[in-house]
Amino acid sequence: MALRRAEVEVGVTREVTVVDDLTRTQIVMYAGASGDYNPLHTDEVFATQVAGFPGVFAHGMLTMGLTGRALTEWVGEERLLAFGVQFRGQVWPGDTLTTTLTVTAVHEDSVDLDVRTANQDGREVVVGTASARLDP
């Protein structure tokens, strides 16, 4: 895959569903992969009765990872120069997340992107920016 300057321009957008109907199993699998067993993400009783949430919810870094996958599938892992996000909302089991990537600037050898991931209700859960190297 090549990301060429002649093929991108400001305003070009790509939208990708990064997870459809997030499951508790996926959340627990991420806990195991990351080593983050915070009970807010793994223990229903703790999340509801101790912390006062409606239930367990996904790790922020799981949401960032799903968002990052949409990014690297477009620009390529080897071209990604920077990627940063802010977490804006919790992600719950059953959520469907869609990432929207928008080119905000094209430079001689790189491109800047606006990165946004929203749930099925249109509520943004992650917002951020990225930059990627362009091929000649």
N, C-alpha and C. Protein backbone atom coordinates (compact mmCIF):
# COMPACT_ATOMS: atom_id res chain seq x y z
N MET A 1 0.85 -1.17 0.00
CA MET A 1 0.00 0.00 0.00
C MET A 1 0.89 1.23 0.00
N ALA A 2 0.60 2.17 -0.85
CA ALA A 2 1.34 3.43 -0.92
C ALA A 2 0.41 4.57 -0.54
N LEU A 3 0.95 5.51 0.19
CA LEU A 3 0.22 6.72 0.52
C LEU A 3 0.98 7.85 -0.16
N ARG A 4 0.47 8.28 -1.31
CA ARG A 4 1.16 9.25 -2.14
C ARG A 4 0.53 10.63 -2.03
N ARG A 5 1.40 11.64 -2.08
CA ARG A 5 0.96 13.03 -1.95
C ARG A 5 -0.11 13.36 -3.01
N ALA A 6 0.07 12.89 -4.21
CA ALA A 6 -0.87 13.19 -5.29
C ALA A 6 -2.25 12.56 -5.07
N GLU A 7 -2.34 11.61 -4.15
CA GLU A 7 -3.59 10.88 -3.93
C GLU A 7 -4.36 11.36 -2.70
N VAL A 8 -3.80 12.32 -1.95
CA VAL A 8 -4.51 12.84 -0.78
C VAL A 8 -4.66 14.34 -0.89
N GLU A 9 -5.75 14.84 -0.33
CA GLU A 9 -5.96 16.29 -0.28
C GLU A 9 -6.77 16.60 0.96
N VAL A 10 -6.69 17.83 1.41
CA VAL A 10 -7.42 18.26 2.59
C VAL A 10 -8.91 17.98 2.38
N GLY A 11 -9.50 17.41 3.40
CA GLY A 11 -10.93 17.10 3.37
C GLY A 11 -11.26 15.66 3.03
N VAL A 12 -10.29 14.91 2.50
CA VAL A 12 -10.54 13.50 2.21
C VAL A 12 -10.83 12.78 3.53
N THR A 13 -11.88 11.99 3.54
CA THR A 13 -12.33 11.32 4.76
C THR A 13 -12.48 9.83 4.52
N ARG A 14 -12.15 9.08 5.55
CA ARG A 14 -12.37 7.64 5.52
C ARG A 14 -13.09 7.27 6.81
N GLU A 15 -14.16 6.47 6.69
CA GLU A 15 -14.94 6.04 7.85
C GLU A 15 -14.91 4.52 7.92
N VAL A 16 -14.62 4.00 9.13
CA VAL A 16 -14.48 2.55 9.31
C VAL A 16 -15.17 2.14 10.61
N THR A 17 -16.00 1.12 10.55
CA THR A 17 -16.54 0.53 11.78
C THR A 17 -15.45 -0.34 12.36
N VAL A 18 -14.99 0.01 13.57
CA VAL A 18 -13.86 -0.70 14.17
C VAL A 18 -14.30 -1.82 15.09
N VAL A 19 -15.52 -1.74 15.58
CA VAL A 19 -16.08 -2.86 16.34
C VAL A 19 -17.60 -2.76 16.24
N ASP A 20 -18.22 -3.91 16.03
CA ASP A 20 -19.66 -4.00 15.94
C ASP A 20 -20.14 -4.86 17.10
N ASP A 21 -20.89 -4.25 18.03
CA ASP A 21 -21.42 -4.96 19.18
C ASP A 21 -20.30 -5.50 20.07
N LEU A 22 -19.53 -4.58 20.66
CA LEU A 22 -18.43 -4.94 21.56
C LEU A 22 -18.93 -5.90 22.63
N THR A 23 -18.19 -6.96 22.86
CA THR A 23 -18.61 -7.96 23.85
C THR A 23 -17.79 -7.86 25.12
N ARG A 24 -18.34 -8.37 26.19
CA ARG A 24 -17.59 -8.45 27.45
C ARG A 24 -16.37 -9.34 27.27
N THR A 25 -16.51 -10.36 26.45
CA THR A 25 -15.38 -11.25 26.19
C THR A 25 -14.22 -10.47 25.57
N GLN A 26 -14.52 -9.57 24.63
CA GLN A 26 -13.46 -8.76 24.03
C GLN A 26 -12.80 -7.87 25.08
N ILE A 27 -13.59 -7.32 26.00
CA ILE A 27 -13.03 -6.48 27.05
C ILE A 27 -12.12 -7.31 27.96
N VAL A 28 -12.56 -8.50 28.34
CA VAL A 28 -11.74 -9.37 29.20
C VAL A 28 -10.49 -9.84 28.45
N MET A 29 -10.63 -10.12 27.17
CA MET A 29 -9.45 -10.52 26.39
C MET A 29 -8.43 -9.38 26.36
N TYR A 30 -8.90 -8.14 26.25
CA TYR A 30 -7.97 -7.01 26.28
C TYR A 30 -7.31 -6.91 27.65
N ALA A 31 -8.08 -7.12 28.70
CA ALA A 31 -7.50 -7.08 30.05
C ALA A 31 -6.36 -8.08 30.15
N GLY A 32 -6.58 -9.28 29.63
CA GLY A 32 -5.52 -10.29 29.67
C GLY A 32 -4.31 -9.91 28.83
N ALA A 33 -4.56 -9.36 27.65
CA ALA A 33 -3.45 -8.97 26.77
C ALA A 33 -2.66 -7.80 27.34
N SER A 34 -3.34 -6.88 27.99
CA SER A 34 -2.68 -5.67 28.49
C SER A 34 -2.17 -5.82 29.92
N GLY A 35 -2.72 -6.79 30.65
CA GLY A 35 -2.38 -6.93 32.06
C GLY A 35 -3.14 -5.95 32.94
N ASP A 36 -4.10 -5.24 32.39
CA ASP A 36 -4.89 -4.26 33.14
C ASP A 36 -6.19 -4.90 33.59
N TYR A 37 -6.19 -5.40 34.83
CA TYR A 37 -7.36 -6.08 35.37
C TYR A 37 -8.16 -5.18 36.32
N ASN A 38 -8.14 -3.89 36.07
CA ASN A 38 -8.92 -2.97 36.88
C ASN A 38 -10.35 -3.49 36.96
N PRO A 39 -10.90 -3.61 38.16
CA PRO A 39 -12.24 -4.19 38.29
C PRO A 39 -13.35 -3.39 37.62
N LEU A 40 -13.09 -2.13 37.27
CA LEU A 40 -14.09 -1.37 36.51
C LEU A 40 -14.34 -2.02 35.14
N HIS A 41 -13.36 -2.77 34.66
CA HIS A 41 -13.45 -3.39 33.35
C HIS A 41 -13.77 -4.88 33.40
N THR A 42 -13.62 -5.48 34.57
CA THR A 42 -13.72 -6.94 34.64
C THR A 42 -14.69 -7.48 35.68
N ASP A 43 -15.14 -6.66 36.60
CA ASP A 43 -15.94 -7.14 37.72
C ASP A 43 -17.26 -6.37 37.79
N GLU A 44 -18.32 -7.02 37.34
CA GLU A 44 -19.64 -6.38 37.27
C GLU A 44 -20.10 -5.87 38.63
N VAL A 45 -19.91 -6.66 39.68
CA VAL A 45 -20.35 -6.26 41.02
C VAL A 45 -19.59 -5.01 41.47
N PHE A 46 -18.29 -5.03 41.30
CA PHE A 46 -17.50 -3.85 41.67
C PHE A 46 -17.94 -2.62 40.88
N ALA A 47 -18.06 -2.78 39.56
CA ALA A 47 -18.41 -1.64 38.71
C ALA A 47 -19.76 -1.04 39.10
N THR A 48 -20.73 -1.89 39.45
CA THR A 48 -22.08 -1.38 39.74
C THR A 48 -22.25 -1.00 41.21
N GLN A 49 -21.89 -1.89 42.11
CA GLN A 49 -22.21 -1.67 43.52
C GLN A 49 -21.18 -0.83 44.25
N VAL A 50 -19.93 -0.90 43.86
CA VAL A 50 -18.90 -0.12 44.54
C VAL A 50 -18.67 1.20 43.83
N ALA A 51 -18.50 1.17 42.51
CA ALA A 51 -18.15 2.37 41.76
C ALA A 51 -19.38 3.14 41.25
N GLY A 52 -20.54 2.50 41.23
CA GLY A 52 -21.77 3.19 40.83
C GLY A 52 -22.00 3.34 39.34
N PHE A 53 -21.29 2.55 38.52
CA PHE A 53 -21.51 2.59 37.08
C PHE A 53 -22.61 1.60 36.71
N PRO A 54 -23.17 1.74 35.50
CA PRO A 54 -24.21 0.79 35.07
C PRO A 54 -23.68 -0.62 34.83
N GLY A 55 -22.38 -0.77 34.70
CA GLY A 55 -21.75 -2.06 34.46
C GLY A 55 -20.30 -1.85 34.12
N VAL A 56 -19.64 -2.93 33.71
CA VAL A 56 -18.25 -2.82 33.29
C VAL A 56 -18.19 -2.06 31.96
N PHE A 57 -17.04 -1.46 31.69
CA PHE A 57 -16.86 -0.74 30.44
C PHE A 57 -15.44 -0.98 29.92
N ALA A 58 -15.25 -0.68 28.67
CA ALA A 58 -13.97 -0.96 28.00
C ALA A 58 -12.86 -0.05 28.50
N HIS A 59 -11.65 -0.57 28.44
CA HIS A 59 -10.46 0.21 28.73
C HIS A 59 -10.33 1.33 27.68
N GLY A 60 -9.89 2.48 28.09
CA GLY A 60 -9.63 3.55 27.13
C GLY A 60 -8.62 3.12 26.09
N MET A 61 -7.61 2.40 26.52
CA MET A 61 -6.57 1.98 25.57
C MET A 61 -7.09 0.94 24.58
N LEU A 62 -8.11 0.19 24.94
CA LEU A 62 -8.74 -0.71 23.97
C LEU A 62 -9.39 0.13 22.87
N THR A 63 -10.10 1.17 23.27
CA THR A 63 -10.74 2.05 22.30
C THR A 63 -9.69 2.73 21.43
N MET A 64 -8.60 3.18 22.03
CA MET A 64 -7.52 3.80 21.25
C MET A 64 -6.92 2.79 20.28
N GLY A 65 -6.73 1.56 20.73
CA GLY A 65 -6.18 0.53 19.85
C GLY A 65 -7.08 0.23 18.67
N LEU A 66 -8.38 0.16 18.90
CA LEU A 66 -9.32 -0.06 17.80
C LEU A 66 -9.27 1.10 16.82
N THR A 67 -9.20 2.31 17.37
CA THR A 67 -9.09 3.51 16.53
C THR A 67 -7.79 3.48 15.74
N GLY A 68 -6.71 3.12 16.40
CA GLY A 68 -5.41 3.05 15.74
C GLY A 68 -5.37 2.04 14.61
N ARG A 69 -6.10 0.95 14.76
CA ARG A 69 -6.15 -0.04 13.70
C ARG A 69 -6.75 0.54 12.43
N ALA A 70 -7.81 1.35 12.56
CA ALA A 70 -8.40 2.01 11.39
C ALA A 70 -7.37 2.92 10.74
N LEU A 71 -6.61 3.60 11.57
CA LEU A 71 -5.59 4.53 11.08
C LEU A 71 -4.49 3.79 10.32
N THR A 72 -3.93 2.74 10.93
CA THR A 72 -2.82 2.04 10.27
C THR A 72 -3.28 1.24 9.06
N GLU A 73 -4.53 0.81 9.04
CA GLU A 73 -5.03 0.12 7.85
C GLU A 73 -5.09 1.07 6.65
N TRP A 74 -5.24 2.37 6.92
CA TRP A 74 -5.27 3.34 5.84
C TRP A 74 -3.88 3.82 5.47
N VAL A 75 -3.10 4.26 6.46
CA VAL A 75 -1.80 4.87 6.15
C VAL A 75 -0.65 3.89 6.18
N GLY A 76 -0.83 2.74 6.81
CA GLY A 76 0.25 1.77 6.96
C GLY A 76 1.02 2.00 8.25
N GLU A 77 1.31 0.92 8.95
CA GLU A 77 2.04 1.02 10.22
C GLU A 77 3.38 1.71 10.06
N GLU A 78 4.08 1.39 8.98
CA GLU A 78 5.42 1.92 8.76
C GLU A 78 5.42 3.42 8.45
N ARG A 79 4.28 3.99 8.12
CA ARG A 79 4.21 5.42 7.78
C ARG A 79 3.71 6.28 8.93
N LEU A 80 3.16 5.67 9.95
CA LEU A 80 2.59 6.45 11.05
C LEU A 80 3.72 7.15 11.82
N LEU A 81 3.62 8.47 11.91
CA LEU A 81 4.64 9.28 12.59
C LEU A 81 4.20 9.69 13.99
N ALA A 82 2.92 9.97 14.16
CA ALA A 82 2.40 10.42 15.46
C ALA A 82 0.92 10.06 15.55
N PHE A 83 0.47 9.79 16.78
CA PHE A 83 -0.92 9.45 17.03
C PHE A 83 -1.21 9.74 18.49
N GLY A 84 -2.15 10.62 18.75
CA GLY A 84 -2.53 10.95 20.11
C GLY A 84 -4.02 11.19 20.20
N VAL A 85 -4.60 10.84 21.34
CA VAL A 85 -6.04 11.00 21.50
C VAL A 85 -6.39 11.52 22.89
N GLN A 86 -7.61 11.99 23.00
CA GLN A 86 -8.24 12.29 24.28
C GLN A 86 -9.44 11.35 24.40
N PHE A 87 -9.65 10.83 25.58
CA PHE A 87 -10.81 9.97 25.82
C PHE A 87 -11.98 10.86 26.24
N ARG A 88 -13.08 10.75 25.52
CA ARG A 88 -14.23 11.63 25.76
C ARG A 88 -15.43 10.93 26.38
N GLY A 89 -15.45 9.62 26.34
CA GLY A 89 -16.61 8.92 26.90
C GLY A 89 -16.34 7.44 27.04
N GLN A 90 -17.13 6.82 27.88
CA GLN A 90 -16.96 5.39 28.11
C GLN A 90 -17.55 4.58 26.97
N VAL A 91 -16.98 3.41 26.79
CA VAL A 91 -17.44 2.47 25.78
C VAL A 91 -17.97 1.24 26.52
N TRP A 92 -19.20 0.88 26.21
CA TRP A 92 -19.91 -0.17 26.94
C TRP A 92 -20.07 -1.43 26.09
N PRO A 93 -20.22 -2.57 26.73
CA PRO A 93 -20.57 -3.77 25.98
C PRO A 93 -21.82 -3.48 25.14
N GLY A 94 -21.80 -3.95 23.91
CA GLY A 94 -22.91 -3.71 23.00
C GLY A 94 -22.68 -2.53 22.07
N ASP A 95 -21.71 -1.68 22.40
CA ASP A 95 -21.45 -0.51 21.55
C ASP A 95 -20.86 -0.92 20.20
N THR A 96 -21.22 -0.15 19.21
CA THR A 96 -20.61 -0.23 17.88
C THR A 96 -19.85 1.07 17.69
N LEU A 97 -18.58 0.97 17.33
CA LEU A 97 -17.74 2.15 17.20
C LEU A 97 -17.31 2.36 15.76
N THR A 98 -17.40 3.60 15.33
CA THR A 98 -17.00 3.99 13.99
C THR A 98 -15.94 5.08 14.08
N THR A 99 -14.85 4.87 13.39
CA THR A 99 -13.77 5.85 13.35
C THR A 99 -13.83 6.62 12.04
N THR A 100 -13.69 7.94 12.15
CA THR A 100 -13.63 8.81 10.99
C THR A 100 -12.27 9.49 10.97
N LEU A 101 -11.58 9.33 9.85
CA LEU A 101 -10.26 9.93 9.65
C LEU A 101 -10.39 10.97 8.56
N THR A 102 -9.92 12.19 8.83
CA THR A 102 -10.05 13.28 7.87
C THR A 102 -8.70 13.95 7.68
N VAL A 103 -8.29 14.11 6.44
CA VAL A 103 -7.04 14.80 6.13
C VAL A 103 -7.24 16.29 6.42
N THR A 104 -6.38 16.84 7.29
CA THR A 104 -6.48 18.25 7.65
C THR A 104 -5.36 19.09 7.03
N ALA A 105 -4.26 18.46 6.65
CA ALA A 105 -3.15 19.19 6.01
C ALA A 105 -2.30 18.20 5.23
N VAL A 106 -1.81 18.67 4.10
CA VAL A 106 -0.89 17.87 3.30
C VAL A 106 0.40 18.67 3.16
N HIS A 107 1.50 18.07 3.61
CA HIS A 107 2.81 18.69 3.55
C HIS A 107 3.63 18.00 2.45
N GLU A 108 4.82 18.46 2.25
CA GLU A 108 5.68 17.89 1.21
C GLU A 108 5.88 16.38 1.41
N ASP A 109 6.11 15.97 2.64
CA ASP A 109 6.42 14.55 2.88
C ASP A 109 5.54 13.89 3.94
N SER A 110 4.46 14.58 4.36
CA SER A 110 3.59 13.99 5.39
C SER A 110 2.17 14.54 5.26
N VAL A 111 1.29 13.92 5.99
CA VAL A 111 -0.12 14.31 6.01
C VAL A 111 -0.58 14.33 7.47
N ASP A 112 -1.42 15.31 7.81
CA ASP A 112 -2.00 15.41 9.15
C ASP A 112 -3.46 14.96 9.06
N LEU A 113 -3.91 14.30 10.11
CA LEU A 113 -5.26 13.75 10.13
C LEU A 113 -5.98 14.10 11.42
N ASP A 114 -7.27 14.34 11.31
CA ASP A 114 -8.17 14.45 12.44
C ASP A 114 -8.72 13.04 12.66
N VAL A 115 -8.75 12.59 13.89
CA VAL A 115 -9.17 11.23 14.22
C VAL A 115 -10.32 11.31 15.22
N ARG A 116 -11.44 10.67 14.88
CA ARG A 116 -12.61 10.69 15.77
C ARG A 116 -13.28 9.32 15.76
N THR A 117 -13.58 8.83 16.95
CA THR A 117 -14.33 7.58 17.06
C THR A 117 -15.59 7.85 17.86
N ALA A 118 -16.72 7.41 17.31
CA ALA A 118 -18.03 7.65 17.94
C ALA A 118 -18.77 6.34 18.08
N ASN A 119 -19.68 6.31 19.05
CA ASN A 119 -20.51 5.12 19.23
C ASN A 119 -21.73 5.17 18.31
N GLN A 120 -22.57 4.19 18.43
CA GLN A 120 -23.75 4.05 17.57
C GLN A 120 -24.74 5.20 17.72
N ASP A 121 -24.62 5.97 18.79
CA ASP A 121 -25.50 7.12 19.00
C ASP A 121 -24.87 8.42 18.51
N GLY A 122 -23.68 8.30 17.92
CA GLY A 122 -22.99 9.48 17.43
C GLY A 122 -22.19 10.22 18.48
N ARG A 123 -22.12 9.68 19.68
CA ARG A 123 -21.36 10.33 20.77
C ARG A 123 -19.88 9.99 20.61
N GLU A 124 -19.06 11.01 20.53
CA GLU A 124 -17.62 10.79 20.38
C GLU A 124 -17.04 10.23 21.67
N VAL A 125 -16.27 9.17 21.53
CA VAL A 125 -15.62 8.56 22.69
C VAL A 125 -14.12 8.77 22.66
N VAL A 126 -13.57 9.03 21.47
CA VAL A 126 -12.15 9.32 21.29
C VAL A 126 -12.03 10.40 20.23
N VAL A 127 -11.20 11.42 20.50
CA VAL A 127 -10.85 12.42 19.48
C VAL A 127 -9.35 12.61 19.53
N GLY A 128 -8.76 12.89 18.38
CA GLY A 128 -7.33 13.08 18.38
C GLY A 128 -6.80 13.48 17.03
N THR A 129 -5.50 13.34 16.90
CA THR A 129 -4.80 13.69 15.66
C THR A 129 -3.75 12.62 15.37
N ALA A 130 -3.33 12.63 14.12
CA ALA A 130 -2.27 11.74 13.70
C ALA A 130 -1.52 12.39 12.54
N SER A 131 -0.34 11.91 12.29
CA SER A 131 0.38 12.31 11.09
C SER A 131 1.07 11.08 10.52
N ALA A 132 1.22 11.09 9.20
CA ALA A 132 1.81 9.95 8.52
C ALA A 132 2.72 10.44 7.41
N ARG A 133 3.75 9.65 7.15
CA ARG A 133 4.69 9.96 6.07
C ARG A 133 4.05 9.62 4.74
N LEU A 134 4.31 10.48 3.76
CA LEU A 134 3.84 10.23 2.40
C LEU A 134 4.96 9.64 1.55
N ASP A 135 4.60 8.81 0.62
CA ASP A 135 5.56 8.31 -0.37
C ASP A 135 5.65 9.35 -1.48
N PRO A 136 6.80 9.38 -2.16
CA PRO A 136 6.95 10.35 -3.27
C PRO A 136 5.95 10.08 -4.38
